[in-house]
Amino acid sequence: MKKFIAFKTFIAVLIFAGFTLISCNDDYEIIPVKLTDVNGNYKAKLITSQGNLGTEKIIEFTAKDTVITFKEFPIREIVKAVVQDPAKVDAAVAAIGKIEYKLDYTSKINTDHNVIELSFEPKTLTLQIPVNGTNRNTVVTLAAKQKGFFVGQDWSLRFGLVAEKITMDGIVLTPFETIKYDFPYCVKY
């Protein structure tokens, strides 16, 4: 008899919980995105990968009008591809210092998905990388293989870049495996 009463009580609690959940007010009003919503300062998760090696870190950048500005673009993998001596990479990165990079984009609102689509127009990145006591003129060709998105649901920005080719003193670096810079989640602060 006690088992039957406990079972009835359990069923009553389940039914009550079900009605409680059904009666919740789930009205969610979607706020439409505007092109100016992209503007702001961001903290971003950056996943840098080359082949099957990858690193993750948090970086910051600013988006304003039609330009994303990195005050400190991540160049470690580029330097590593040029210097090739792991013991000298840190010294070369320190000698180069902070590199500012500006990434141009055009934007378009996709009202069906409440996102802003970003089409990127990357410029080449020029560096003076110290190799064995001499500064080598290095040009990195960057590309954006996919569109980026500013998502209206959580006000985040997502995009990626690829370093396709490195030219050092006019000679294309070979062999070279592309370097991917993925920004899967960038939030305003």
Protein backbone atom coordinates (compact mmCIF):
# COMPACT_ATOMS: atom_id res chain seq x y z
CA MET A 1 0.00 0.00 0.00
CA LYS A 2 2.86 2.41 0.85
CA LYS A 3 4.43 1.77 -2.57
CA PHE A 4 1.14 2.61 -4.30
CA ILE A 5 0.78 5.92 -2.38
CA ALA A 6 4.41 6.82 -3.15
CA PHE A 7 3.80 6.04 -6.82
CA LYS A 8 0.64 8.24 -6.90
CA THR A 9 2.55 11.08 -5.23
CA PHE A 10 5.37 10.75 -7.75
CA ILE A 11 2.91 10.86 -10.67
CA ALA A 12 1.16 13.91 -9.17
CA VAL A 13 4.48 15.74 -8.87
CA LEU A 14 5.35 14.90 -12.50
CA ILE A 15 1.99 16.17 -13.75
CA PHE A 16 2.32 19.36 -11.69
CA ALA A 17 5.85 19.93 -13.04
CA GLY A 18 4.62 19.35 -16.60
CA PHE A 19 1.86 21.94 -16.25
CA THR A 20 4.29 24.37 -14.68
CA LEU A 21 6.66 24.08 -17.62
CA ILE A 22 3.85 24.42 -20.14
CA SER A 23 2.59 27.59 -18.54
CA CYS A 24 5.97 29.36 -18.78
CA ASN A 25 5.98 32.49 -20.87
CA ASP A 26 8.35 31.69 -23.72
CA ASP A 27 7.82 34.92 -25.63
CA TYR A 28 11.22 35.82 -27.04
CA GLU A 29 11.35 38.97 -29.07
CA ILE A 30 14.07 38.92 -31.71
CA ILE A 31 15.93 42.20 -31.94
CA PRO A 32 16.83 42.77 -35.61
CA VAL A 33 20.53 43.40 -36.29
CA LYS A 34 21.82 46.64 -37.80
CA LEU A 35 25.06 47.05 -39.73
CA THR A 36 26.44 49.25 -36.94
CA ASP A 37 26.03 46.40 -34.42
CA VAL A 38 29.34 44.94 -35.62
CA ASN A 39 31.23 48.01 -34.33
CA GLY A 40 32.97 47.56 -30.98
CA ASN A 41 35.84 46.03 -29.04
CA TYR A 42 36.06 42.23 -29.00
CA LYS A 43 37.71 39.46 -27.03
CA ALA A 44 38.15 36.48 -29.29
CA LYS A 45 39.05 32.85 -29.02
CA LEU A 46 41.73 32.30 -31.68
CA ILE A 47 42.55 28.81 -32.87
CA THR A 48 45.72 28.83 -34.95
CA SER A 49 46.53 25.64 -36.81
CA GLN A 50 49.12 24.47 -39.30
CA GLY A 51 48.81 20.90 -40.42
CA ASN A 52 47.86 18.83 -37.39
CA LEU A 53 49.44 21.26 -34.89
CA GLY A 54 47.31 23.91 -33.25
CA THR A 55 47.18 26.43 -30.45
CA GLU A 56 44.40 28.36 -28.74
CA LYS A 57 44.53 31.75 -27.07
CA ILE A 58 42.43 34.81 -26.36
CA ILE A 59 43.17 37.98 -28.32
CA GLU A 60 41.50 41.37 -28.71
CA PHE A 61 40.56 43.43 -31.74
CA THR A 62 38.33 46.33 -32.73
CA ALA A 63 35.70 46.51 -35.46
CA LYS A 64 34.71 49.94 -36.72
CA ASP A 65 32.79 50.80 -39.88
CA THR A 66 34.33 48.42 -42.43
CA VAL A 67 37.66 47.56 -40.78
CA ILE A 68 38.71 45.03 -38.15
CA THR A 69 41.94 46.20 -36.48
CA PHE A 70 44.28 43.83 -34.68
CA LYS A 71 46.71 45.82 -32.52
CA GLU A 72 48.77 42.66 -32.05
CA PHE A 73 48.31 40.23 -34.96
CA PRO A 74 49.49 36.68 -34.12
CA ILE A 75 52.69 36.11 -36.11
CA ARG A 76 54.39 33.27 -34.21
CA GLU A 77 53.52 30.55 -36.77
CA ILE A 78 54.59 32.79 -39.65
CA VAL A 79 57.94 33.46 -37.98
CA LYS A 80 58.33 29.76 -37.21
CA ALA A 81 57.82 28.92 -40.91
CA VAL A 82 60.53 31.42 -41.92
CA VAL A 83 63.12 30.97 -39.14
CA GLN A 84 62.75 27.16 -38.89
CA ASP A 85 65.08 26.95 -35.86
CA PRO A 86 62.75 26.51 -32.84
CA ALA A 87 65.39 27.96 -30.50
CA LYS A 88 65.45 31.26 -32.42
CA VAL A 89 61.69 31.73 -32.96
CA ASP A 90 61.00 33.45 -29.62
CA ALA A 91 63.88 35.88 -30.11
CA ALA A 92 62.68 36.74 -33.63
CA VAL A 93 59.09 37.30 -32.46
CA ALA A 94 60.36 39.55 -29.64
CA ALA A 95 62.57 41.50 -32.08
CA ILE A 96 59.64 42.11 -34.44
CA GLY A 97 57.34 43.31 -31.65
CA LYS A 98 53.64 44.03 -32.03
CA ILE A 99 52.26 44.03 -35.57
CA GLU A 100 49.08 45.94 -36.34
CA TYR A 101 46.91 44.48 -39.10
CA LYS A 102 43.77 45.97 -40.63
CA LEU A 103 41.25 43.63 -42.24
CA ASP A 104 38.74 45.31 -44.56
CA TYR A 105 35.24 43.92 -44.96
CA THR A 106 31.89 44.66 -46.52
CA SER A 107 28.71 43.75 -44.71
CA LYS A 108 25.18 42.76 -45.63
CA ILE A 109 22.19 41.96 -43.41
CA ASN A 110 20.57 38.55 -43.76
CA THR A 111 17.13 39.17 -42.22
CA ASP A 112 16.04 35.53 -42.56
CA HIS A 113 18.68 34.42 -40.06
CA ASN A 114 19.12 37.73 -38.19
CA VAL A 115 22.85 37.86 -38.98
CA ILE A 116 25.22 40.25 -40.67
CA GLU A 117 27.31 38.55 -43.34
CA LEU A 118 30.87 39.84 -43.65
CA SER A 119 32.88 39.47 -46.84
CA PHE A 120 36.57 40.04 -46.16
CA GLU A 121 39.20 41.66 -48.35
CA PRO A 122 42.52 40.72 -46.71
CA LYS A 123 45.67 42.64 -47.60
CA THR A 124 49.15 41.18 -47.58
CA LEU A 125 51.09 41.40 -44.35
CA THR A 126 54.69 42.65 -44.65
CA LEU A 127 57.22 41.81 -41.94
CA GLN A 128 60.94 42.24 -41.40
CA ILE A 129 61.92 38.90 -39.84
CA PRO A 130 65.44 38.57 -38.41
CA VAL A 131 67.09 35.39 -39.72
CA ASN A 132 70.73 34.72 -38.77
CA GLY A 133 71.46 38.40 -38.08
CA THR A 134 69.80 39.80 -41.22
CA ASN A 135 66.28 41.18 -41.57
CA ARG A 136 64.44 39.32 -44.32
CA ASN A 137 61.62 41.10 -46.15
CA THR A 138 58.68 38.73 -45.72
CA VAL A 139 55.29 39.11 -47.40
CA VAL A 140 52.40 36.96 -46.18
CA THR A 141 49.41 36.46 -48.49
CA LEU A 142 46.25 36.22 -46.39
CA ALA A 143 42.86 35.06 -47.66
CA ALA A 144 39.35 34.60 -46.30
CA LYS A 145 37.91 31.35 -47.63
CA GLN A 146 34.46 31.88 -46.07
CA LYS A 147 32.20 34.71 -45.04
CA GLY A 148 32.15 35.86 -41.45
CA PHE A 149 28.99 36.35 -39.41
CA PHE A 150 27.81 38.70 -36.69
CA VAL A 151 25.05 36.68 -35.02
CA GLY A 152 22.08 38.63 -33.67
CA GLN A 153 21.01 35.94 -31.22
CA ASP A 154 24.09 36.23 -29.00
CA TRP A 155 25.79 39.33 -30.49
CA SER A 156 28.95 37.43 -31.36
CA LEU A 157 31.28 37.61 -34.35
CA ARG A 158 32.71 34.52 -36.12
CA PHE A 159 35.21 34.36 -38.98
CA GLY A 160 38.48 32.90 -40.20
CA LEU A 161 41.61 33.74 -42.19
CA VAL A 162 44.28 31.68 -43.91
CA ALA A 163 47.92 32.50 -44.56
CA GLU A 164 48.18 30.91 -48.02
CA LYS A 165 51.68 31.85 -49.10
CA ILE A 166 54.85 33.39 -47.68
CA THR A 167 57.38 35.15 -49.87
CA MET A 168 60.80 35.90 -48.39
CA ASP A 169 63.04 38.35 -50.27
CA GLY A 170 60.97 37.73 -53.41
CA ILE A 171 61.19 33.93 -53.24
CA VAL A 172 58.13 31.83 -52.40
CA LEU A 173 58.72 29.74 -49.30
CA THR A 174 58.44 26.04 -50.17
CA PRO A 175 57.46 23.71 -48.74
CA PHE A 176 54.84 25.67 -46.82
CA GLU A 177 51.68 24.41 -45.19
CA THR A 178 48.89 26.99 -44.85
CA ILE A 179 48.27 28.59 -41.47
CA LYS A 180 44.63 28.84 -40.41
CA TYR A 181 43.40 31.55 -38.05
CA ASP A 182 39.91 30.61 -36.84
CA PHE A 183 37.86 32.95 -34.67
CA PRO A 184 34.90 30.73 -33.71
CA TYR A 185 33.56 33.01 -30.99
CA CYS A 186 34.27 36.71 -30.49
CA VAL A 187 32.28 38.74 -27.94
CA LYS A 188 32.01 42.47 -27.39
CA TYR A 189 33.17 43.92 -24.12
